[in-house]
Protein backbone atom coordinates (compact mmCIF):
# COMPACT_ATOMS: atom_id res chain seq x y z
CA SER A 1 -9.71 -20.43 26.94
CA ARG A 2 -10.39 -21.10 30.63
CA ALA A 3 -7.03 -19.62 31.53
CA VAL A 4 -7.84 -16.39 29.72
CA PHE A 5 -11.21 -16.30 31.46
CA TRP A 6 -9.58 -16.54 34.91
CA MET A 7 -6.77 -14.09 34.04
CA PRO A 8 -8.19 -10.86 32.59
CA GLY A 9 -4.77 -9.21 32.86
CA VAL A 10 -3.56 -11.20 29.88
CA TYR A 11 -5.39 -8.80 27.62
CA LEU A 12 -3.32 -5.88 28.91
CA LEU A 13 0.09 -7.41 28.23
CA PRO A 14 0.09 -6.99 24.41
CA ILE A 15 -1.06 -3.40 24.85
CA ILE A 16 1.73 -2.69 27.34
CA SER A 17 4.36 -4.26 25.09
CA TRP A 18 3.08 -2.26 22.10
CA VAL A 19 3.29 0.94 24.16
CA PHE A 20 6.93 0.15 24.97
CA LEU A 21 7.62 -0.63 21.31
CA ILE A 22 5.98 2.62 20.16
CA ILE A 23 7.96 4.67 22.68
CA PHE A 24 11.19 3.00 21.62
CA GLY A 25 10.27 3.38 17.94
CA ALA A 26 9.69 7.10 18.39
CA TYR A 27 13.06 7.44 20.12
CA TRP A 28 14.72 5.43 17.36
CA VAL A 29 13.21 7.60 14.61
CA ILE A 30 14.33 10.81 16.36
CA VAL A 31 17.91 9.56 16.67
CA TYR A 32 17.79 8.31 13.07
CA LEU A 33 16.74 11.76 11.89
CA TYR A 34 19.64 13.30 13.79
CA LEU A 35 22.02 10.83 12.16
CA ALA A 36 20.53 11.40 8.71
CA THR A 37 20.94 15.16 8.91
CA ALA A 38 24.39 15.20 10.51
CA LYS A 39 27.03 15.78 7.85
CA GLU A 40 30.51 17.25 7.72
CA ALA A 41 30.99 20.64 6.10
CA VAL A 42 33.77 20.82 3.50
CA ILE A 43 34.71 24.13 1.87
CA ASN A 44 34.88 23.84 -1.91
CA THR A 45 36.97 25.92 -4.29
CA PHE A 46 34.29 28.62 -4.56
CA GLY A 47 34.26 29.22 -0.82
CA ARG A 48 30.94 27.47 -0.31
CA ALA A 49 30.27 24.63 2.05
CA ASP A 50 29.47 21.19 0.71
CA TYR A 51 28.10 18.64 3.15
CA ASN A 52 29.48 15.13 2.93
CA GLU A 53 28.51 12.08 4.90
CA SER A 54 31.42 10.73 6.91
CA THR A 55 32.23 7.05 7.31
CA ASP A 56 31.78 7.37 11.07
CA LEU A 57 28.15 8.37 10.54
CA LYS A 58 27.60 5.37 8.27
CA ARG A 59 29.00 3.11 10.98
CA MET A 60 26.78 4.80 13.56
CA TRP A 61 23.77 4.09 11.36
CA TRP A 62 24.56 0.37 11.33
CA TYR A 63 25.11 0.47 15.10
CA HIS A 64 21.79 2.26 15.51
CA LEU A 65 20.03 -0.34 13.33
CA PHE A 66 21.47 -3.13 15.49
CA GLY A 67 20.16 -1.30 18.57
CA LEU A 68 16.70 -1.29 16.97
CA PHE A 69 16.82 -5.02 16.38
CA TRP A 70 18.15 -5.90 19.83
CA THR A 71 15.86 -3.63 21.84
CA SER A 72 12.71 -4.55 19.94
CA GLN A 73 13.49 -8.26 20.30
CA PHE A 74 14.20 -7.73 23.99
CA ILE A 75 10.82 -6.06 24.54
CA LEU A 76 9.00 -8.80 22.62
CA ALA A 77 10.86 -11.57 24.47
CA CYS A 78 10.00 -9.99 27.83
CA ALA A 79 6.34 -9.91 26.83
CA GLN A 80 6.41 -13.53 25.68
CA LEU A 81 8.15 -14.73 28.83
CA THR A 82 5.74 -12.79 31.04
CA LEU A 83 2.78 -14.32 29.23
CA ALA A 84 4.26 -17.81 29.45
CA GLY A 85 4.94 -17.33 33.17
CA ALA A 86 1.39 -16.18 33.82
CA PHE A 87 -0.14 -19.17 32.04
CA THR A 88 2.28 -21.52 33.79
CA SER A 89 1.35 -20.03 37.15
CA TRP A 90 -2.34 -20.49 36.38
CA TYR A 91 -1.86 -24.03 35.09
CA PHE A 92 -0.02 -25.26 38.19
CA THR A 93 -2.49 -23.69 40.64
CA ARG A 94 -4.50 -26.54 42.17
CA ASP A 95 -7.70 -24.68 42.95
CA LYS A 96 -8.36 -22.37 40.00
CA LYS A 97 -11.22 -20.56 41.72
CA LEU A 98 -9.05 -19.55 44.67
CA GLY A 99 -6.05 -18.76 42.49
CA ARG A 100 -4.87 -15.31 41.72
CA GLN A 101 -6.66 -13.56 38.93
CA TRP A 102 -3.67 -11.34 38.17
CA PRO A 103 -0.70 -13.74 37.95
CA ILE A 104 0.78 -11.41 35.35
CA PHE A 105 2.31 -9.27 38.11
CA GLY A 106 4.01 -12.29 39.67
CA SER A 107 5.26 -13.26 36.23
CA ILE A 108 6.69 -9.76 35.65
CA TYR A 109 8.42 -9.96 39.04
CA ARG A 110 9.95 -13.36 38.16
CA LEU A 111 11.03 -12.01 34.79
CA ILE A 112 12.84 -9.05 36.31
CA ARG A 113 14.28 -11.01 39.22
CA TYR A 114 15.37 -14.24 37.55
CA HIS A 115 15.10 -14.23 33.77
CA LEU A 116 16.45 -10.97 32.32
CA GLY A 117 19.83 -12.69 32.04
CA SER A 118 18.26 -15.24 29.71
CA VAL A 119 16.15 -12.81 27.73
CA ALA A 120 19.04 -10.45 26.89
CA PRO A 121 21.37 -13.01 25.23
CA GLY A 122 18.44 -14.66 23.45
CA SER A 123 17.32 -11.36 21.99
CA PHE A 124 20.97 -10.60 21.12
CA VAL A 125 21.23 -13.79 19.05
CA ILE A 126 18.04 -12.92 17.17
CA ALA A 127 19.32 -9.36 16.64
CA VAL A 128 22.60 -10.67 15.19
CA ILE A 129 20.68 -12.84 12.74
CA LYS A 130 18.43 -9.91 11.79
CA MET A 131 21.54 -7.77 11.31
CA ILE A 132 23.07 -10.38 9.01
CA ARG A 133 19.83 -10.43 7.03
CA ALA A 134 19.89 -6.61 6.80
CA ILE A 135 23.49 -6.69 5.54
CA LEU A 136 22.59 -9.35 2.99
CA ALA A 137 19.63 -7.25 1.80
CA TYR A 138 21.91 -4.22 1.52
CA LEU A 139 24.45 -6.18 -0.52
CA LYS A 140 21.71 -7.64 -2.69
CA ARG A 141 20.40 -4.16 -3.45
CA LYS A 142 23.89 -2.89 -4.28
CA LEU A 143 24.75 -5.87 -6.51
CA LYS A 144 21.34 -6.20 -8.18
CA LYS A 145 22.39 -4.80 -11.56
CA LYS A 146 26.01 -6.02 -11.50
CA SER A 147 25.93 -9.77 -10.89
CA LYS A 148 22.96 -12.11 -11.05
CA VAL A 149 24.99 -14.98 -9.59
CA ALA A 150 25.91 -12.90 -6.52
CA VAL A 151 22.28 -11.90 -6.06
CA PHE A 152 21.25 -15.57 -6.27
CA ILE A 153 23.82 -16.56 -3.63
CA LEU A 154 22.71 -13.69 -1.40
CA ARG A 155 19.09 -14.83 -1.73
CA ILE A 156 20.06 -18.33 -0.65
CA LEU A 157 21.99 -16.97 2.33
CA SER A 158 19.10 -14.70 3.23
CA CYS A 159 16.69 -17.63 3.11
CA CYS A 160 19.00 -19.66 5.39
CA MET A 161 19.16 -16.77 7.88
CA TRP A 162 15.37 -16.45 7.77
CA CYS A 163 15.03 -20.16 8.57
CA PHE A 164 17.60 -19.87 11.37
CA GLU A 165 15.77 -16.89 12.87
């Protein structure tokens, strides 16, 4: 609690990360709407156009979903590392009264300069696990009425992925 008292900038970091997440979420929804409404026109026997979803668009949707997972985890990991760096900087300052009251900026600088190479692969691993969980949920929904054994196995795998995440 003393660290938060001496570093008022810590209250701004969750707000800043939420702003980045909201901006990215709005972008993601706009691109998703474009993907959802993009279909191929096929002329039927009556001369009218039917609109079918192509397999390329389905693949793009999965790619887009993975981008959501990776980018959101990257933003959250950057916020967590910045917060950890700020508290570490405060903790190892000998004279707390003379220390900086805004070590968050130094922590952001260290994040950008030294640690983005660690944050990106870490968030990638979490995104891969989230993607596996999304695929398992998709398969579970598709197989729900066909095979109870398959649904049970998918639930076990999903639980394992949740624990691993």
